[in-house]
């Protein structure tokens, strides 16, 4: 298998047990180059545990994980993480309020928050470039503490892009955004997935959410989870159905699509 045909991510029979609880149950998932995925499921479905396992922060009980051609257990996952960008609430909460946005972005090159090292001219130039890509260059001199939630998300994406990742994980990036800010962010996400970054195609996006309304047209594939098991996986157009989502969320639901966006409605039973 050549580099061009090797999957970005290949998970086979992944099992995670913790304290007598089965969190992930024989999960299979393959992500090919050029695909952008949404991971969809209710609270407790295993989304966060899956991300923790594939980034090496949660040790599997059984199964295999191959990420960017490296196999978990045979490779240094600390080095591999440098090729995987992560935007999550956990990172957002750890950024000091007094750090300017430009410095937060530069810290992404060195996988550091509250970066205290020497900032080179090349670092500043690269940070300016990725902040333009993330449409937040105008925020470079503003302190983290005065940025809105939407502005912080874009700065964190720029921070992740500093390492030129092959994979970009967005863990519920719309959480905490008001409806207008959410739509602005999703429009930006659509643009990001469709453009070149550093002369290369956009990183593979793994987008975690509870809400089908947040699935933009650039998302090509969906992984649906319920109680640690895959209920459906594959191209969005085939996988996102009322039946699959009813099974995933364990409630009667009706899915509708209009102008490229999805909406989910509960079916009231008398």
Protein backbone atom coordinates (compact mmCIF):
# COMPACT_ATOMS: atom_id res chain seq x y z
CA UNK A 1 0.00 0.00 0.00
CA UNK A 2 1.46 3.38 -1.04
CA UNK A 3 1.34 6.57 0.98
CA UNK A 4 -1.30 7.96 -1.40
CA UNK A 5 -3.64 4.98 -0.89
CA UNK A 6 -3.00 4.39 2.83
CA UNK A 7 -5.89 5.56 5.05
CA UNK A 8 -5.43 8.64 7.19
CA UNK A 9 -6.98 6.67 10.07
CA UNK A 10 -7.75 2.98 10.37
CA UNK A 11 -9.34 1.68 13.59
CA UNK A 12 -10.10 -2.03 13.89
CA UNK A 13 -11.97 -3.73 16.73
CA UNK A 14 -11.33 -0.91 19.21
CA UNK A 15 -12.43 -1.76 22.76
CA UNK A 16 -12.13 0.49 25.81
CA UNK A 17 -13.04 -0.73 29.31
CA UNK A 18 -12.79 1.50 32.38
CA UNK A 19 -13.86 0.60 35.94
CA UNK A 20 -16.02 -2.25 34.73
CA UNK A 21 -17.78 -0.11 32.11
CA UNK A 22 -17.60 -0.86 28.40
CA UNK A 23 -17.01 2.55 26.77
CA UNK A 24 -16.17 1.53 23.20
CA UNK A 25 -17.28 -1.82 21.85
CA UNK A 26 -15.40 -3.33 18.86
CA UNK A 27 -15.39 -0.10 16.92
CA UNK A 28 -14.23 -0.11 13.29
CA UNK A 29 -13.60 3.17 11.44
CA UNK A 30 -11.56 4.06 8.37
CA UNK A 31 -10.88 7.59 7.10
CA UNK A 32 -9.40 8.04 3.61
CA UNK A 33 -7.48 11.02 2.26
CA UNK A 34 -9.70 13.80 0.97
CA UNK A 35 -12.56 12.96 3.34
CA UNK A 36 -14.00 15.21 6.07
CA UNK A 37 -15.99 13.47 8.82
CA UNK A 38 -18.62 14.34 11.38
CA UNK A 39 -18.81 12.20 14.52
CA UNK A 40 -22.37 12.35 15.77
CA UNK A 41 -23.98 10.93 18.90
CA UNK A 42 -25.67 11.73 22.19
CA UNK A 43 -23.88 12.39 25.49
CA UNK A 44 -22.24 9.17 26.66
CA UNK A 45 -22.04 7.68 23.17
CA UNK A 46 -18.23 7.43 23.29
CA UNK A 47 -17.23 10.42 21.14
CA UNK A 48 -14.77 11.92 23.62
CA UNK A 49 -13.29 8.52 24.49
CA UNK A 50 -12.76 7.79 20.80
CA UNK A 51 -10.86 11.06 20.35
CA UNK A 52 -8.79 10.36 23.47
CA UNK A 53 -7.89 6.91 22.16
CA UNK A 54 -6.84 8.03 18.71
CA UNK A 55 -4.70 10.86 20.14
CA UNK A 56 -3.04 8.50 22.62
CA UNK A 57 -4.48 9.95 25.83
CA UNK A 58 -6.60 6.84 26.52
CA UNK A 59 -5.09 3.37 26.29
CA UNK A 60 -7.26 0.85 24.38
CA UNK A 61 -8.22 -2.43 26.04
CA UNK A 62 -8.15 -4.21 22.68
CA UNK A 63 -8.03 -3.48 18.97
CA UNK A 64 -5.70 -1.56 16.66
CA UNK A 65 -5.30 2.12 15.78
CA UNK A 66 -3.30 3.21 12.75
CA UNK A 67 -3.00 6.96 12.32
CA UNK A 68 -1.05 8.61 9.48
CA UNK A 69 0.70 5.31 8.80
CA UNK A 70 1.81 4.82 12.42
CA UNK A 71 0.47 2.02 14.65
CA UNK A 72 -0.45 2.61 18.28
CA UNK A 73 1.95 0.68 20.53
CA UNK A 74 4.72 0.63 17.91
CA UNK A 75 5.22 4.37 17.43
CA UNK A 76 5.90 7.39 19.62
CA UNK A 77 2.43 8.92 19.93
CA UNK A 78 3.89 12.05 21.54
CA UNK A 79 5.60 12.83 18.24
CA UNK A 80 2.57 11.80 16.19
CA UNK A 81 0.35 14.25 18.10
CA UNK A 82 2.35 17.08 16.53
CA UNK A 83 0.76 16.14 13.20
CA UNK A 84 -2.75 16.25 14.65
CA UNK A 85 -4.38 19.60 15.40
CA UNK A 86 -6.91 19.69 18.23
CA UNK A 87 -9.46 22.41 19.03
CA UNK A 88 -11.38 21.70 22.22
CA UNK A 89 -12.88 23.40 25.26
CA UNK A 90 -10.11 21.89 27.41
CA UNK A 91 -7.48 23.88 25.49
CA UNK A 92 -9.61 27.03 25.40
CA UNK A 93 -9.92 27.05 29.20
CA UNK A 94 -6.14 26.78 29.74
CA UNK A 95 -5.08 29.84 27.73
CA UNK A 96 -4.02 32.74 30.02
CA UNK A 97 -6.25 35.81 29.67
CA UNK A 98 -3.22 38.11 29.26
CA UNK A 99 -1.67 36.32 26.28
CA UNK A 100 -2.14 38.13 22.96
CA UNK A 101 -3.80 36.04 20.27
CA UNK A 102 -0.69 36.11 18.08
CA UNK A 103 1.37 34.52 20.85
CA UNK A 104 -1.30 31.85 21.44
CA UNK A 105 -0.99 30.94 17.76
CA UNK A 106 2.81 30.85 17.83
CA UNK A 107 2.68 28.52 20.83
CA UNK A 108 0.96 25.98 18.59
CA UNK A 109 4.22 25.41 16.71
CA UNK A 110 5.84 24.25 19.95
CA UNK A 111 2.75 22.53 21.44
CA UNK A 112 2.82 25.01 24.34
CA UNK A 113 0.28 27.22 26.08
CA UNK A 114 1.53 30.40 27.80
CA UNK A 115 4.54 30.28 25.47
CA UNK A 116 7.61 31.87 27.04
CA UNK A 117 10.30 30.99 24.49
CA UNK A 118 12.03 33.23 21.96
CA UNK A 119 9.75 34.36 19.15
CA UNK A 120 11.57 34.51 15.82
CA UNK A 121 10.76 36.60 12.78
CA UNK A 122 9.89 33.38 10.95
CA UNK A 123 7.46 32.45 13.75
CA UNK A 124 5.69 35.79 13.44
CA UNK A 125 5.48 35.50 9.66
CA UNK A 126 4.05 31.96 9.85
CA UNK A 127 1.57 32.99 12.55
CA UNK A 128 0.40 35.92 10.42
CA UNK A 129 -0.11 33.54 7.48
CA UNK A 130 -2.18 30.97 9.37
CA UNK A 131 -4.19 33.69 11.10
CA UNK A 132 -5.13 35.01 7.66
CA UNK A 133 -6.19 31.47 6.72
CA UNK A 134 -8.28 31.27 9.91
CA UNK A 135 -9.67 34.76 9.18
CA UNK A 136 -8.45 36.18 12.48
CA UNK A 137 -5.33 38.19 11.52
CA UNK A 138 -6.94 41.36 12.91
CA UNK A 139 -6.94 39.77 16.38
CA UNK A 140 -3.17 39.21 16.64
CA UNK A 141 -2.54 41.99 19.17
CA UNK A 142 -5.66 41.50 21.27
CA UNK A 143 -5.49 39.70 24.63
CA UNK A 144 -7.21 36.34 24.95
CA UNK A 145 -9.36 37.56 27.82
CA UNK A 146 -11.22 40.10 25.68
CA UNK A 147 -11.95 37.82 22.71
CA UNK A 148 -15.43 36.47 22.07
CA UNK A 149 -16.08 32.71 21.95
CA UNK A 150 -16.19 32.73 18.16
CA UNK A 151 -12.94 34.71 17.95
CA UNK A 152 -11.27 32.29 20.34
CA UNK A 153 -12.29 29.32 18.20
CA UNK A 154 -10.69 30.84 15.12
CA UNK A 155 -7.51 31.67 17.04
CA UNK A 156 -7.34 28.07 18.28
CA UNK A 157 -7.75 26.79 14.74
CA UNK A 158 -4.89 29.06 13.66
CA UNK A 159 -2.88 27.70 16.59
CA UNK A 160 -3.55 24.15 15.42
CA UNK A 161 -2.57 25.04 11.83
CA UNK A 162 0.84 26.35 12.99
CA UNK A 163 2.07 22.75 13.15
CA UNK A 164 0.76 22.09 9.61
CA UNK A 165 -1.29 19.11 10.79
CA UNK A 166 -2.50 16.34 8.50
CA UNK A 167 -5.61 15.93 10.70
CA UNK A 168 -7.62 18.65 12.45
CA UNK A 169 -9.99 17.55 15.24
CA UNK A 170 -12.77 19.97 16.16
CA UNK A 171 -14.39 18.82 19.38
CA UNK A 172 -17.79 20.55 19.62
CA UNK A 173 -16.39 23.87 18.35
CA UNK A 174 -19.82 25.55 18.34
CA UNK A 175 -20.50 24.94 22.04
CA UNK A 176 -21.17 28.25 23.76
CA UNK A 177 -21.71 30.23 20.55
CA UNK A 178 -24.89 32.22 20.07
CA UNK A 179 -26.91 31.45 16.91
CA UNK A 180 -25.40 34.27 14.84
CA UNK A 181 -21.82 33.49 15.93
CA UNK A 182 -22.43 29.81 15.21
CA UNK A 183 -23.52 30.52 11.64
CA UNK A 184 -20.50 32.76 11.06
CA UNK A 185 -18.22 30.02 12.39
CA UNK A 186 -19.83 27.29 10.28
CA UNK A 187 -19.49 29.45 7.16
CA UNK A 188 -15.81 29.85 8.00
CA UNK A 189 -15.48 26.09 8.53
CA UNK A 190 -16.92 25.48 5.07
CA UNK A 191 -14.35 27.84 3.56
CA UNK A 192 -11.50 26.28 5.53
CA UNK A 193 -12.34 22.77 4.32
CA UNK A 194 -12.34 23.96 0.72
CA UNK A 195 -9.04 25.85 0.59
CA UNK A 196 -5.30 25.21 0.53
CA UNK A 197 -3.31 25.59 3.76
CA UNK A 198 0.42 26.15 3.41
CA UNK A 199 0.26 25.11 -0.24
CA UNK A 200 -1.41 21.81 0.64
CA UNK A 201 -4.99 20.61 0.74
CA UNK A 202 -6.89 21.40 3.93
CA UNK A 203 -6.22 18.91 6.76
CA UNK A 204 -8.63 16.02 7.15
CA UNK A 205 -11.39 17.35 9.43
CA UNK A 206 -12.88 15.23 12.23
CA UNK A 207 -15.79 17.30 13.50
CA UNK A 208 -17.55 16.21 16.71
CA UNK A 209 -21.05 17.47 17.44
CA UNK A 210 -24.48 16.59 18.83
CA UNK A 211 -26.30 18.66 16.22
CA UNK A 212 -26.98 17.81 12.57
CA UNK A 213 -27.65 21.52 11.98
CA UNK A 214 -23.89 22.09 12.27
CA UNK A 215 -22.96 19.71 9.43
CA UNK A 216 -21.75 21.93 6.58
CA UNK A 217 -21.68 20.76 2.94
CA UNK A 218 -17.90 20.24 3.04
CA UNK A 219 -18.40 17.30 5.42
CA UNK A 220 -18.33 14.19 3.24
CA UNK A 221 -18.77 11.31 5.71
CA UNK A 222 -20.48 10.54 9.02
CA UNK A 223 -19.79 8.21 11.95
CA UNK A 224 -22.82 7.67 14.18
CA UNK A 225 -22.30 6.34 17.71
CA UNK A 226 -24.59 5.02 20.42
CA UNK A 227 -23.33 3.62 23.72
CA UNK A 228 -19.86 2.98 22.31
CA UNK A 229 -21.06 1.15 19.21
CA UNK A 230 -21.23 2.26 15.59
CA UNK A 231 -24.82 2.55 14.41
CA UNK A 232 -23.86 3.70 10.90
CA UNK A 233 -20.80 4.90 8.99
CA UNK A 234 -20.17 6.10 5.46
CA UNK A 235 -20.97 8.95 3.05
CA UNK A 236 -23.18 11.64 4.57
CA UNK A 237 -25.82 11.38 1.85
CA UNK A 238 -26.39 7.69 2.60
CA UNK A 239 -25.86 7.67 6.37
CA UNK A 240 -27.87 10.68 7.49
CA UNK A 241 -31.40 9.28 7.47
CA UNK A 242 -34.30 9.51 9.89
CA UNK A 243 -34.00 5.78 10.64
CA UNK A 244 -30.28 5.92 11.43
CA UNK A 245 -30.64 8.99 13.65
CA UNK A 246 -33.63 7.51 15.44
CA UNK A 247 -31.49 4.48 16.24
CA UNK A 248 -28.48 6.61 17.21
CA UNK A 249 -30.36 8.89 19.62
CA UNK A 250 -32.86 6.24 20.79
CA UNK A 251 -35.84 8.50 20.08
CA UNK A 252 -38.26 8.92 17.16
CA UNK A 253 -36.74 11.61 14.93
CA UNK A 254 -37.39 13.05 11.48
CA UNK A 255 -34.53 14.43 9.41
CA UNK A 256 -35.03 17.16 6.83
CA UNK A 257 -32.65 18.88 4.45
CA UNK A 258 -33.00 22.31 2.88
CA UNK A 259 -30.47 24.35 0.90
CA UNK A 260 -27.61 22.04 1.82
CA UNK A 261 -28.25 22.09 5.58
CA UNK A 262 -29.90 19.54 7.85
CA UNK A 263 -32.52 19.82 10.58
CA UNK A 264 -33.71 17.21 13.05
CA UNK A 265 -37.18 17.15 14.61
CA UNK A 266 -38.61 15.01 17.37
CA UNK A 267 -41.73 13.04 16.51
CA UNK A 268 -44.29 13.39 19.26
CA UNK A 269 -46.17 10.22 20.06
CA UNK A 270 -49.65 10.43 21.56
